[in-house]
């Protein structure tokens, strides 16, 4: 995936002198596990040379770890934490969420909190309990940079979160199968030089 700063102003802070975010991964088997190995590159777009029309696919790549070529149409949305919502806030808001669901049919988890699918910034969707990583250099909690999901929305959340460009119709997305239809979350440290990054995998 590559995203230009002009396409996503104010979504994530780009490092000084960089206007292009590239996220790459190796779709081969590593260390006996069927997981991708991602890499984050912040670059200056003018320094990029000739781009191949069709990037080569390694012969021994895992088929479902090679995304189908597609175009990203950034759409700005507002989201709120679900798994990351503090317990005291849950105690205060739980009955309001239930009342809202009964009155409108809108469920906080599926329709009003974290957007599903592949996204830049915002909150991780977390299929399992949250696992925010800490920077190995400074010890601070890292910031969520990017989520890449196997699917863009399920039958319930699609009602609220299908991208506008797709006319609110189902999307096949990039055709990935990460684990058991899970996803990968990328995190980075905004404090340390070089923007250290790491990733987490999540499966339903």
N, C-alpha and C. Protein backbone atom coordinates (compact mmCIF):
# COMPACT_ATOMS: atom_id res chain seq x y z
N UNK A 1 0.85 -1.17 0.00
CA UNK A 1 0.00 0.00 0.00
C UNK A 1 0.89 1.23 0.00
N UNK A 2 0.49 2.24 -0.78
CA UNK A 2 1.18 3.51 -0.68
C UNK A 2 0.15 4.63 -0.65
N UNK A 3 0.42 5.61 0.22
CA UNK A 3 -0.50 6.71 0.44
C UNK A 3 0.29 8.01 0.43
N UNK A 4 -0.20 8.99 -0.33
CA UNK A 4 0.43 10.30 -0.38
C UNK A 4 -0.16 11.21 0.70
N UNK A 5 0.68 12.06 1.25
CA UNK A 5 0.24 12.96 2.31
C UNK A 5 -0.91 13.84 1.86
N UNK A 6 -0.90 14.25 0.58
CA UNK A 6 -1.96 15.12 0.07
C UNK A 6 -3.32 14.42 0.05
N UNK A 7 -3.32 13.09 0.07
CA UNK A 7 -4.58 12.33 0.05
C UNK A 7 -5.18 12.16 1.43
N UNK A 8 -4.34 12.29 2.46
CA UNK A 8 -4.82 12.06 3.83
C UNK A 8 -4.33 13.16 4.77
N UNK A 9 -4.61 14.43 4.45
CA UNK A 9 -4.11 15.51 5.32
C UNK A 9 -4.67 15.39 6.73
N UNK A 10 -3.78 15.55 7.70
CA UNK A 10 -4.15 15.58 9.11
C UNK A 10 -4.61 14.24 9.67
N UNK A 11 -4.49 13.14 8.92
CA UNK A 11 -4.88 11.83 9.46
C UNK A 11 -3.77 11.27 10.34
N UNK A 12 -2.57 11.22 9.82
CA UNK A 12 -1.41 10.81 10.60
C UNK A 12 -0.30 11.82 10.33
N UNK A 13 0.56 12.08 11.31
CA UNK A 13 1.67 13.02 11.08
C UNK A 13 2.78 12.38 10.25
N UNK A 14 3.07 12.95 9.11
CA UNK A 14 4.17 12.46 8.28
C UNK A 14 5.48 13.02 8.82
N UNK A 15 6.56 12.24 8.78
CA UNK A 15 7.86 12.76 9.20
C UNK A 15 8.27 13.95 8.33
N UNK A 16 9.05 14.84 8.88
CA UNK A 16 9.50 16.01 8.13
C UNK A 16 10.26 15.58 6.89
N UNK A 17 9.92 16.19 5.76
CA UNK A 17 10.58 15.89 4.51
C UNK A 17 10.01 14.71 3.76
N UNK A 18 8.99 14.04 4.31
CA UNK A 18 8.37 12.88 3.66
C UNK A 18 6.93 13.21 3.26
N UNK A 19 6.55 12.73 2.09
CA UNK A 19 5.17 12.93 1.64
C UNK A 19 4.56 11.66 1.07
N UNK A 20 5.20 10.53 1.33
CA UNK A 20 4.72 9.24 0.82
C UNK A 20 4.93 8.16 1.88
N UNK A 21 3.86 7.45 2.17
CA UNK A 21 3.92 6.29 3.08
C UNK A 21 3.78 5.03 2.26
N UNK A 22 4.73 4.12 2.39
CA UNK A 22 4.66 2.83 1.73
C UNK A 22 4.71 1.72 2.78
N UNK A 23 3.78 0.80 2.69
CA UNK A 23 3.74 -0.35 3.58
C UNK A 23 3.92 -1.60 2.73
N UNK A 24 4.96 -2.33 3.01
CA UNK A 24 5.31 -3.52 2.25
C UNK A 24 5.28 -4.72 3.19
N UNK A 25 5.12 -5.91 2.60
CA UNK A 25 5.30 -7.11 3.43
C UNK A 25 5.75 -8.27 2.57
N UNK A 26 6.40 -9.19 3.23
CA UNK A 26 6.86 -10.39 2.56
C UNK A 26 5.81 -11.48 2.74
N UNK A 27 5.25 -12.01 1.65
CA UNK A 27 4.18 -13.02 1.76
C UNK A 27 4.68 -14.45 1.85
N UNK A 28 5.91 -14.63 2.31
CA UNK A 28 6.46 -15.97 2.45
C UNK A 28 6.36 -16.42 3.91
N UNK A 29 6.61 -17.70 4.13
CA UNK A 29 6.57 -18.27 5.48
C UNK A 29 7.85 -17.91 6.23
N UNK A 30 7.67 -17.44 7.48
CA UNK A 30 8.81 -17.03 8.28
C UNK A 30 8.78 -17.70 9.65
N UNK A 31 9.91 -18.19 10.08
CA UNK A 31 10.09 -18.75 11.44
C UNK A 31 9.04 -19.80 11.78
N UNK A 32 8.61 -20.57 10.78
CA UNK A 32 7.66 -21.64 11.04
C UNK A 32 6.23 -21.18 11.27
N UNK A 33 5.93 -19.88 11.04
CA UNK A 33 4.58 -19.37 11.24
C UNK A 33 4.03 -18.82 9.93
N UNK A 34 2.75 -18.98 9.77
CA UNK A 34 2.12 -18.49 8.54
C UNK A 34 1.66 -17.03 8.73
N UNK A 35 2.63 -16.14 8.89
CA UNK A 35 2.32 -14.73 9.10
C UNK A 35 3.19 -13.89 8.18
N UNK A 36 2.65 -12.78 7.76
CA UNK A 36 3.41 -11.85 6.95
C UNK A 36 4.43 -11.11 7.81
N UNK A 37 5.44 -10.54 7.17
CA UNK A 37 6.43 -9.71 7.85
C UNK A 37 6.35 -8.32 7.20
N UNK A 38 5.73 -7.34 7.87
CA UNK A 38 5.53 -6.02 7.26
C UNK A 38 6.73 -5.10 7.44
N UNK A 39 6.76 -4.06 6.63
CA UNK A 39 7.80 -3.03 6.72
C UNK A 39 7.15 -1.68 6.37
N UNK A 40 7.47 -0.67 7.15
CA UNK A 40 6.95 0.68 6.93
C UNK A 40 8.06 1.56 6.38
N UNK A 41 7.76 2.26 5.28
CA UNK A 41 8.74 3.16 4.68
C UNK A 41 8.12 4.54 4.49
N UNK A 42 8.71 5.55 5.12
CA UNK A 42 8.33 6.94 4.86
C UNK A 42 9.32 7.50 3.85
N UNK A 43 8.80 8.07 2.75
CA UNK A 43 9.69 8.48 1.67
C UNK A 43 9.29 9.83 1.10
N UNK A 44 10.15 10.34 0.28
CA UNK A 44 9.86 11.53 -0.52
C UNK A 44 9.46 11.05 -1.90
N UNK A 45 8.26 11.41 -2.34
CA UNK A 45 7.73 10.86 -3.59
C UNK A 45 8.63 11.14 -4.78
N UNK A 46 9.29 12.29 -4.79
CA UNK A 46 10.13 12.65 -5.93
C UNK A 46 11.37 11.77 -6.04
N UNK A 47 11.69 11.04 -4.98
CA UNK A 47 12.87 10.17 -5.02
C UNK A 47 12.55 8.78 -5.55
N UNK A 48 11.28 8.48 -5.77
CA UNK A 48 10.89 7.16 -6.26
C UNK A 48 11.16 7.07 -7.75
N UNK A 49 11.85 6.04 -8.15
CA UNK A 49 12.19 5.87 -9.56
C UNK A 49 11.06 5.23 -10.36
N UNK A 50 11.41 4.49 -11.38
CA UNK A 50 10.43 3.86 -12.24
C UNK A 50 9.63 2.82 -11.46
N UNK A 51 8.33 2.83 -11.62
CA UNK A 51 7.44 1.90 -10.92
C UNK A 51 6.97 0.81 -11.87
N UNK A 52 7.09 -0.45 -11.46
CA UNK A 52 6.63 -1.56 -12.29
C UNK A 52 5.12 -1.58 -12.37
N UNK A 53 4.58 -1.81 -13.55
CA UNK A 53 3.13 -1.88 -13.71
C UNK A 53 2.56 -3.07 -12.96
N UNK A 54 3.25 -4.19 -12.99
CA UNK A 54 2.82 -5.40 -12.29
C UNK A 54 3.97 -5.92 -11.46
N UNK A 55 3.96 -5.65 -10.14
CA UNK A 55 5.05 -6.14 -9.29
C UNK A 55 5.12 -7.67 -9.34
N UNK A 56 6.31 -8.23 -9.39
CA UNK A 56 6.45 -9.70 -9.43
C UNK A 56 6.03 -10.33 -8.11
N UNK A 57 5.45 -11.51 -8.22
CA UNK A 57 5.03 -12.27 -7.04
C UNK A 57 6.03 -13.41 -6.80
N UNK A 58 6.58 -13.52 -5.59
CA UNK A 58 7.51 -14.62 -5.32
C UNK A 58 6.86 -15.98 -5.61
N UNK A 59 7.63 -16.89 -6.16
CA UNK A 59 7.08 -18.19 -6.55
C UNK A 59 6.55 -18.97 -5.35
N UNK A 60 7.16 -18.79 -4.17
CA UNK A 60 6.75 -19.56 -3.01
C UNK A 60 5.93 -18.73 -2.03
N UNK A 61 5.26 -17.69 -2.53
CA UNK A 61 4.43 -16.86 -1.66
C UNK A 61 3.14 -17.59 -1.29
N UNK A 62 2.60 -17.28 -0.09
CA UNK A 62 1.30 -17.79 0.29
C UNK A 62 0.25 -17.04 -0.51
N UNK A 63 -0.58 -17.78 -1.25
CA UNK A 63 -1.50 -17.16 -2.20
C UNK A 63 -2.38 -16.09 -1.57
N UNK A 64 -2.94 -16.36 -0.40
CA UNK A 64 -3.88 -15.43 0.21
C UNK A 64 -3.20 -14.28 0.95
N UNK A 65 -1.85 -14.25 0.90
CA UNK A 65 -1.12 -13.14 1.50
C UNK A 65 -0.65 -12.13 0.46
N UNK A 66 -1.01 -12.35 -0.80
CA UNK A 66 -0.68 -11.41 -1.87
C UNK A 66 -1.97 -10.66 -2.23
N UNK A 67 -2.05 -9.38 -1.93
CA UNK A 67 -3.31 -8.65 -2.17
C UNK A 67 -3.62 -8.47 -3.65
N UNK A 68 -4.90 -8.48 -3.95
CA UNK A 68 -5.36 -8.17 -5.29
C UNK A 68 -5.14 -6.67 -5.53
N UNK A 69 -4.56 -6.26 -6.65
CA UNK A 69 -4.34 -4.83 -6.89
C UNK A 69 -5.65 -4.05 -6.82
N UNK A 70 -5.65 -2.95 -6.11
CA UNK A 70 -6.84 -2.13 -5.99
C UNK A 70 -6.43 -0.69 -5.69
N UNK A 71 -7.37 0.21 -5.78
CA UNK A 71 -7.13 1.63 -5.56
C UNK A 71 -7.76 2.04 -4.24
N UNK A 72 -7.04 2.85 -3.49
CA UNK A 72 -7.55 3.35 -2.22
C UNK A 72 -8.22 4.70 -2.44
N UNK A 73 -9.47 4.82 -1.98
CA UNK A 73 -10.20 6.09 -2.02
C UNK A 73 -10.38 6.54 -0.57
N UNK A 74 -9.49 7.40 -0.07
CA UNK A 74 -9.60 7.80 1.35
C UNK A 74 -10.94 8.46 1.65
N UNK A 75 -11.55 8.03 2.75
CA UNK A 75 -12.81 8.60 3.22
C UNK A 75 -12.66 8.87 4.71
N UNK A 76 -12.82 10.13 5.10
CA UNK A 76 -12.64 10.51 6.49
C UNK A 76 -13.88 10.16 7.30
N UNK A 77 -13.70 9.40 8.37
CA UNK A 77 -14.81 9.03 9.25
C UNK A 77 -14.42 9.31 10.69
N UNK A 78 -15.42 9.49 11.53
CA UNK A 78 -15.19 9.66 12.96
C UNK A 78 -15.52 8.34 13.65
N UNK A 79 -14.63 7.88 14.48
CA UNK A 79 -14.88 6.64 15.20
C UNK A 79 -14.51 6.81 16.67
N UNK A 80 -14.99 5.85 17.48
CA UNK A 80 -14.79 5.90 18.92
C UNK A 80 -14.31 4.52 19.39
N UNK A 81 -13.63 4.45 20.53
CA UNK A 81 -13.11 3.16 20.99
C UNK A 81 -14.22 2.19 21.38
N UNK A 82 -13.95 0.91 21.15
CA UNK A 82 -14.85 -0.13 21.65
C UNK A 82 -14.11 -0.95 22.70
N UNK A 83 -13.19 -1.82 22.26
CA UNK A 83 -12.40 -2.60 23.21
C UNK A 83 -11.57 -1.69 24.10
N UNK A 84 -11.15 -0.56 23.59
CA UNK A 84 -10.28 0.34 24.35
C UNK A 84 -11.05 1.33 25.22
N UNK A 85 -12.36 1.24 25.25
CA UNK A 85 -13.14 2.12 26.10
C UNK A 85 -12.92 1.74 27.56
N UNK A 86 -12.56 2.72 28.39
CA UNK A 86 -12.26 2.44 29.79
C UNK A 86 -13.47 1.86 30.52
N UNK A 87 -13.21 1.03 31.52
CA UNK A 87 -14.27 0.37 32.27
C UNK A 87 -15.24 1.36 32.91
N UNK A 88 -14.72 2.48 33.42
CA UNK A 88 -15.61 3.44 34.06
C UNK A 88 -16.55 4.09 33.04
N UNK A 89 -16.07 4.24 31.80
CA UNK A 89 -16.94 4.78 30.74
C UNK A 89 -18.00 3.76 30.35
N UNK A 90 -17.60 2.47 30.33
CA UNK A 90 -18.58 1.42 30.03
C UNK A 90 -19.70 1.44 31.08
N UNK A 91 -19.31 1.54 32.34
CA UNK A 91 -20.31 1.55 33.41
C UNK A 91 -21.28 2.71 33.25
N UNK A 92 -20.78 3.84 32.76
CA UNK A 92 -21.61 5.03 32.62
C UNK A 92 -22.48 5.00 31.37
N UNK A 93 -21.97 4.37 30.31
CA UNK A 93 -22.63 4.46 29.01
C UNK A 93 -23.36 3.20 28.57
N UNK A 94 -23.13 2.07 29.23
CA UNK A 94 -23.68 0.79 28.75
C UNK A 94 -25.19 0.85 28.54
N UNK A 95 -25.94 1.38 29.50
CA UNK A 95 -27.39 1.40 29.36
C UNK A 95 -27.84 2.38 28.27
N UNK A 96 -27.07 3.43 28.05
CA UNK A 96 -27.39 4.34 26.95
C UNK A 96 -27.19 3.65 25.61
N UNK A 97 -26.15 2.82 25.52
CA UNK A 97 -25.93 2.06 24.29
C UNK A 97 -27.09 1.09 24.04
N UNK A 98 -27.55 0.43 25.10
CA UNK A 98 -28.66 -0.52 24.96
C UNK A 98 -29.94 0.19 24.55
N UNK A 99 -30.20 1.34 25.15
CA UNK A 99 -31.41 2.11 24.80
C UNK A 99 -31.35 2.57 23.34
N UNK A 100 -30.17 3.02 22.92
CA UNK A 100 -30.01 3.47 21.53
C UNK A 100 -30.25 2.34 20.55
N UNK A 101 -29.75 1.15 20.87
CA UNK A 101 -29.94 -0.01 20.01
C UNK A 101 -31.43 -0.36 19.90
N UNK A 102 -32.15 -0.34 21.02
CA UNK A 102 -33.58 -0.66 20.99
C UNK A 102 -34.38 0.39 20.23
N UNK A 103 -33.98 1.65 20.33
CA UNK A 103 -34.74 2.73 19.70
C UNK A 103 -34.44 2.87 18.21
N UNK A 104 -33.19 2.62 17.82
CA UNK A 104 -32.79 2.91 16.44
C UNK A 104 -32.29 1.69 15.67
N UNK A 105 -31.90 0.61 16.37
CA UNK A 105 -31.32 -0.54 15.70
C UNK A 105 -29.83 -0.39 15.43
N UNK A 106 -29.25 0.71 15.93
CA UNK A 106 -27.82 0.93 15.75
C UNK A 106 -27.06 0.40 16.96
N UNK A 107 -26.17 -0.56 16.70
CA UNK A 107 -25.38 -1.19 17.75
C UNK A 107 -24.05 -0.44 17.89
N UNK A 108 -23.66 -0.11 19.12
CA UNK A 108 -22.44 0.68 19.32
C UNK A 108 -21.22 -0.02 18.74
N UNK A 109 -21.05 -1.31 19.02
CA UNK A 109 -19.87 -2.02 18.54
C UNK A 109 -19.82 -2.07 17.02
N UNK A 110 -20.91 -2.44 16.38
CA UNK A 110 -20.91 -2.68 14.94
C UNK A 110 -21.07 -1.43 14.10
N UNK A 111 -21.81 -0.43 14.61
CA UNK A 111 -22.18 0.71 13.78
C UNK A 111 -21.60 2.05 14.22
N UNK A 112 -21.19 2.17 15.49
CA UNK A 112 -20.89 3.50 16.00
C UNK A 112 -19.51 3.66 16.64
N UNK A 113 -18.74 2.59 16.74
CA UNK A 113 -17.44 2.72 17.43
C UNK A 113 -16.30 2.69 16.42
N UNK A 114 -15.61 1.56 16.30
CA UNK A 114 -14.45 1.48 15.41
C UNK A 114 -14.85 1.00 14.02
N UNK A 115 -14.33 1.68 13.01
CA UNK A 115 -14.62 1.30 11.63
C UNK A 115 -13.91 -0.01 11.30
N UNK A 116 -14.59 -0.92 10.62
CA UNK A 116 -13.95 -2.19 10.23
C UNK A 116 -13.10 -2.00 8.98
N UNK A 117 -12.36 -3.03 8.63
CA UNK A 117 -11.63 -3.02 7.37
C UNK A 117 -10.27 -2.33 7.46
N UNK A 118 -9.67 -2.15 6.31
CA UNK A 118 -8.36 -1.52 6.22
C UNK A 118 -8.50 -0.02 6.43
N UNK A 119 -7.66 0.54 7.32
CA UNK A 119 -7.79 1.96 7.63
C UNK A 119 -6.47 2.52 8.13
N UNK A 120 -6.34 3.82 7.97
CA UNK A 120 -5.16 4.56 8.42
C UNK A 120 -5.55 5.37 9.64
N UNK A 121 -4.80 5.21 10.74
CA UNK A 121 -5.10 5.93 11.96
C UNK A 121 -6.32 5.35 12.67
N UNK A 122 -6.86 6.12 13.60
CA UNK A 122 -8.03 5.68 14.34
C UNK A 122 -7.69 4.61 15.35
N UNK A 123 -8.70 3.82 15.71
CA UNK A 123 -8.55 2.76 16.71
C UNK A 123 -8.46 1.39 16.06
N UNK A 124 -7.61 0.51 16.57
CA UNK A 124 -7.64 -0.87 16.09
C UNK A 124 -9.00 -1.51 16.38
N UNK A 125 -9.47 -2.36 15.48
CA UNK A 125 -10.76 -3.01 15.68
C UNK A 125 -10.72 -4.11 16.73
N UNK A 126 -9.57 -4.76 16.90
CA UNK A 126 -9.36 -5.80 17.90
C UNK A 126 -10.44 -6.89 17.87
N UNK A 127 -10.11 -8.03 17.30
CA UNK A 127 -10.98 -9.21 17.41
C UNK A 127 -10.85 -9.82 18.80
N UNK A 128 -9.66 -9.68 19.40
CA UNK A 128 -9.39 -10.22 20.72
C UNK A 128 -9.07 -9.07 21.66
N UNK A 129 -8.67 -9.39 22.90
CA UNK A 129 -8.34 -8.33 23.86
C UNK A 129 -7.23 -7.44 23.30
N UNK A 130 -7.30 -6.13 23.57
CA UNK A 130 -6.28 -5.20 23.06
C UNK A 130 -4.88 -5.56 23.52
N UNK A 131 -3.92 -5.42 22.60
CA UNK A 131 -2.51 -5.63 22.93
C UNK A 131 -1.70 -4.47 22.36
N UNK A 132 -1.80 -3.31 23.00
CA UNK A 132 -1.04 -2.15 22.55
C UNK A 132 0.44 -2.39 22.85
N UNK A 133 1.30 -2.30 21.85
CA UNK A 133 2.73 -2.51 22.10
C UNK A 133 3.39 -1.25 22.66
N UNK A 134 4.48 -1.46 23.39
CA UNK A 134 5.30 -0.36 23.89
C UNK A 134 6.57 -0.29 23.06
N UNK A 135 7.07 0.91 22.87
CA UNK A 135 8.30 1.10 22.12
C UNK A 135 9.46 0.49 22.89
N UNK A 136 10.29 -0.30 22.22
CA UNK A 136 11.41 -0.95 22.88
C UNK A 136 12.50 0.05 23.25
N UNK A 137 12.46 1.24 22.64
CA UNK A 137 13.51 2.23 22.89
C UNK A 137 13.15 3.18 24.03
N UNK A 138 11.90 3.67 24.06
CA UNK A 138 11.53 4.66 25.08
C UNK A 138 10.50 4.14 26.08
N UNK A 139 9.85 3.01 25.77
CA UNK A 139 8.88 2.44 26.69
C UNK A 139 7.48 3.01 26.59
N UNK A 140 7.27 4.05 25.76
CA UNK A 140 5.94 4.65 25.61
C UNK A 140 5.04 3.74 24.78
N UNK A 141 3.72 3.84 25.03
CA UNK A 141 2.78 3.09 24.20
C UNK A 141 2.84 3.64 22.79
N UNK A 142 2.89 2.74 21.82
CA UNK A 142 2.99 3.15 20.42
C UNK A 142 1.63 3.56 19.87
N UNK A 143 1.66 4.31 18.77
CA UNK A 143 0.44 4.81 18.15
C UNK A 143 -0.01 3.88 17.03
N UNK A 144 -1.32 3.73 16.87
CA UNK A 144 -1.85 2.92 15.77
C UNK A 144 -1.65 3.66 14.46
N UNK A 145 -0.98 3.02 13.52
CA UNK A 145 -0.73 3.61 12.21
C UNK A 145 -1.70 3.08 11.16
N UNK A 146 -1.82 1.76 11.08
CA UNK A 146 -2.57 1.16 9.97
C UNK A 146 -3.13 -0.19 10.38
N UNK A 147 -4.35 -0.45 9.94
CA UNK A 147 -4.95 -1.78 10.06
C UNK A 147 -5.17 -2.33 8.65
N UNK A 148 -4.78 -3.57 8.42
CA UNK A 148 -5.08 -4.27 7.17
C UNK A 148 -5.89 -5.50 7.53
N UNK A 149 -7.12 -5.56 7.07
CA UNK A 149 -8.03 -6.64 7.41
C UNK A 149 -8.27 -7.56 6.22
N UNK A 150 -8.67 -8.80 6.53
CA UNK A 150 -9.03 -9.74 5.47
C UNK A 150 -10.31 -9.31 4.77
N UNK A 151 -11.25 -8.75 5.51
CA UNK A 151 -12.52 -8.29 4.96
C UNK A 151 -12.74 -6.83 5.32
N UNK A 152 -13.52 -6.14 4.52
CA UNK A 152 -13.77 -4.73 4.76
C UNK A 152 -14.95 -4.48 5.70
N UNK A 153 -15.86 -5.42 5.80
CA UNK A 153 -17.01 -5.29 6.71
C UNK A 153 -17.74 -6.62 6.73
N UNK A 154 -18.42 -6.91 7.85
CA UNK A 154 -19.26 -8.11 7.89
C UNK A 154 -20.70 -7.72 7.59
N UNK A 155 -21.60 -8.69 7.63
CA UNK A 155 -22.98 -8.44 7.25
C UNK A 155 -23.66 -7.40 8.12
N UNK A 156 -23.24 -7.30 9.38
CA UNK A 156 -23.87 -6.35 10.30
C UNK A 156 -23.26 -4.96 10.15
N UNK A 157 -21.93 -4.87 10.19
CA UNK A 157 -21.28 -3.56 10.16
C UNK A 157 -21.35 -2.91 8.78
N UNK A 158 -21.58 -3.70 7.73
CA UNK A 158 -21.62 -3.14 6.38
C UNK A 158 -22.69 -2.07 6.24
N UNK A 159 -23.74 -2.18 7.01
CA UNK A 159 -24.83 -1.21 6.96
C UNK A 159 -24.33 0.21 7.18
N UNK A 160 -23.35 0.37 8.05
CA UNK A 160 -22.87 1.71 8.39
C UNK A 160 -21.53 2.06 7.74
N UNK A 161 -20.71 1.05 7.38
CA UNK A 161 -19.33 1.34 7.06
C UNK A 161 -18.91 1.06 5.63
N UNK A 162 -19.80 0.64 4.74
CA UNK A 162 -19.40 0.41 3.36
C UNK A 162 -18.96 1.74 2.73
N UNK A 163 -17.81 1.78 2.06
CA UNK A 163 -17.32 3.04 1.49
C UNK A 163 -18.31 3.66 0.51
N UNK A 164 -18.35 4.99 0.48
CA UNK A 164 -19.27 5.70 -0.39
C UNK A 164 -19.04 5.39 -1.86
N UNK A 165 -17.75 5.20 -2.24
CA UNK A 165 -17.45 4.93 -3.66
C UNK A 165 -18.08 3.64 -4.15
N UNK A 166 -18.40 2.75 -3.24
CA UNK A 166 -18.96 1.46 -3.64
C UNK A 166 -20.48 1.44 -3.55
N UNK A 167 -21.08 2.60 -3.36
CA UNK A 167 -22.53 2.70 -3.39
C UNK A 167 -23.22 1.91 -2.30
N UNK A 168 -22.53 1.71 -1.17
CA UNK A 168 -23.09 0.94 -0.06
C UNK A 168 -23.43 -0.49 -0.45
N UNK A 169 -22.64 -1.05 -1.35
CA UNK A 169 -22.81 -2.45 -1.75
C UNK A 169 -21.64 -3.26 -1.21
N UNK A 170 -21.77 -4.60 -1.08
CA UNK A 170 -20.69 -5.41 -0.54
C UNK A 170 -19.41 -5.27 -1.35
N UNK A 171 -18.28 -5.37 -0.65
CA UNK A 171 -16.98 -5.24 -1.30
C UNK A 171 -16.15 -6.50 -1.07
N UNK A 172 -15.43 -6.92 -2.11
CA UNK A 172 -14.55 -8.05 -1.98
C UNK A 172 -13.22 -7.67 -1.37
N UNK A 173 -12.92 -6.37 -1.32
CA UNK A 173 -11.68 -5.90 -0.74
C UNK A 173 -10.48 -6.39 -1.53
N UNK A 174 -9.32 -6.43 -0.88
CA UNK A 174 -8.10 -6.83 -1.58
C UNK A 174 -7.93 -8.33 -1.73
N UNK A 175 -8.88 -9.14 -1.26
CA UNK A 175 -8.82 -10.58 -1.44
C UNK A 175 -7.83 -11.28 -0.54
N UNK A 176 -7.65 -10.77 0.68
CA UNK A 176 -6.69 -11.36 1.61
C UNK A 176 -7.36 -12.34 2.56
N UNK A 177 -6.60 -13.31 3.03
CA UNK A 177 -7.04 -14.20 4.11
C UNK A 177 -5.88 -14.26 5.09
N UNK A 178 -5.94 -13.43 6.12
CA UNK A 178 -4.87 -13.34 7.11
C UNK A 178 -5.28 -14.13 8.34
N UNK A 179 -4.63 -15.27 8.54
CA UNK A 179 -5.04 -16.13 9.64
C UNK A 179 -6.45 -16.63 9.39
N UNK A 180 -7.29 -16.61 10.41
CA UNK A 180 -8.68 -17.03 10.30
C UNK A 180 -9.55 -15.80 10.01
N UNK A 181 -9.33 -15.22 8.82
CA UNK A 181 -10.01 -13.98 8.41
C UNK A 181 -9.77 -12.86 9.43
N UNK A 182 -8.54 -12.77 9.89
CA UNK A 182 -8.18 -11.72 10.83
C UNK A 182 -7.52 -10.56 10.14
N UNK A 183 -6.62 -9.90 10.87
CA UNK A 183 -5.95 -8.74 10.32
C UNK A 183 -4.62 -8.51 10.99
N UNK A 184 -3.91 -7.51 10.51
CA UNK A 184 -2.64 -7.12 11.08
C UNK A 184 -2.70 -5.63 11.39
N UNK A 185 -2.21 -5.27 12.60
CA UNK A 185 -2.19 -3.87 13.02
C UNK A 185 -0.74 -3.41 13.08
N UNK A 186 -0.46 -2.25 12.50
CA UNK A 186 0.87 -1.69 12.54
C UNK A 186 0.88 -0.49 13.47
N UNK A 187 1.92 -0.41 14.29
CA UNK A 187 2.07 0.66 15.27
C UNK A 187 3.43 1.31 15.11
N UNK A 188 3.53 2.59 15.49
CA UNK A 188 4.82 3.26 15.43
C UNK A 188 4.96 4.21 16.61
N UNK A 189 6.21 4.58 16.90
CA UNK A 189 6.51 5.52 17.97
C UNK A 189 6.77 6.89 17.35
N UNK A 190 6.04 7.89 17.81
CA UNK A 190 6.21 9.24 17.29
C UNK A 190 7.26 10.02 18.05
N UNK A 191 7.85 9.41 19.08
CA UNK A 191 8.81 10.11 19.92
C UNK A 191 10.25 9.82 19.50
N UNK A 192 10.54 8.56 19.24
CA UNK A 192 11.92 8.16 18.95
C UNK A 192 12.32 8.47 17.51
N UNK A 193 13.59 8.83 17.29
CA UNK A 193 14.07 9.07 15.92
C UNK A 193 13.90 7.83 15.05
N UNK A 194 13.56 8.05 13.79
CA UNK A 194 13.40 6.94 12.86
C UNK A 194 12.04 6.29 12.89
N UNK A 195 11.15 6.75 13.78
CA UNK A 195 9.79 6.21 13.87
C UNK A 195 9.78 4.69 13.95
N UNK A 196 10.31 4.08 15.02
CA UNK A 196 10.28 2.62 15.15
C UNK A 196 8.86 2.09 15.01
N UNK A 197 8.70 0.93 14.41
CA UNK A 197 7.38 0.36 14.22
C UNK A 197 7.38 -1.11 14.60
N UNK A 198 6.20 -1.61 14.86
CA UNK A 198 6.00 -3.02 15.12
C UNK A 198 4.60 -3.39 14.66
N UNK A 199 4.23 -4.66 14.80
CA UNK A 199 2.90 -5.08 14.34
C UNK A 199 2.34 -6.15 15.26
N UNK A 200 1.03 -6.32 15.20
CA UNK A 200 0.31 -7.35 15.94
C UNK A 200 -0.66 -8.02 14.99
N UNK A 201 -0.89 -9.32 15.21
CA UNK A 201 -1.89 -10.05 14.45
C UNK A 201 -3.09 -10.33 15.33
N UNK A 202 -4.24 -10.41 14.71
CA UNK A 202 -5.47 -10.61 15.45
C UNK A 202 -6.39 -11.50 14.62
N UNK A 203 -6.94 -12.52 15.21
CA UNK A 203 -7.85 -13.44 14.53
C UNK A 203 -9.13 -13.60 15.34
N UNK A 204 -10.29 -13.72 14.66
CA UNK A 204 -11.54 -13.91 15.39
C UNK A 204 -11.54 -15.22 16.17
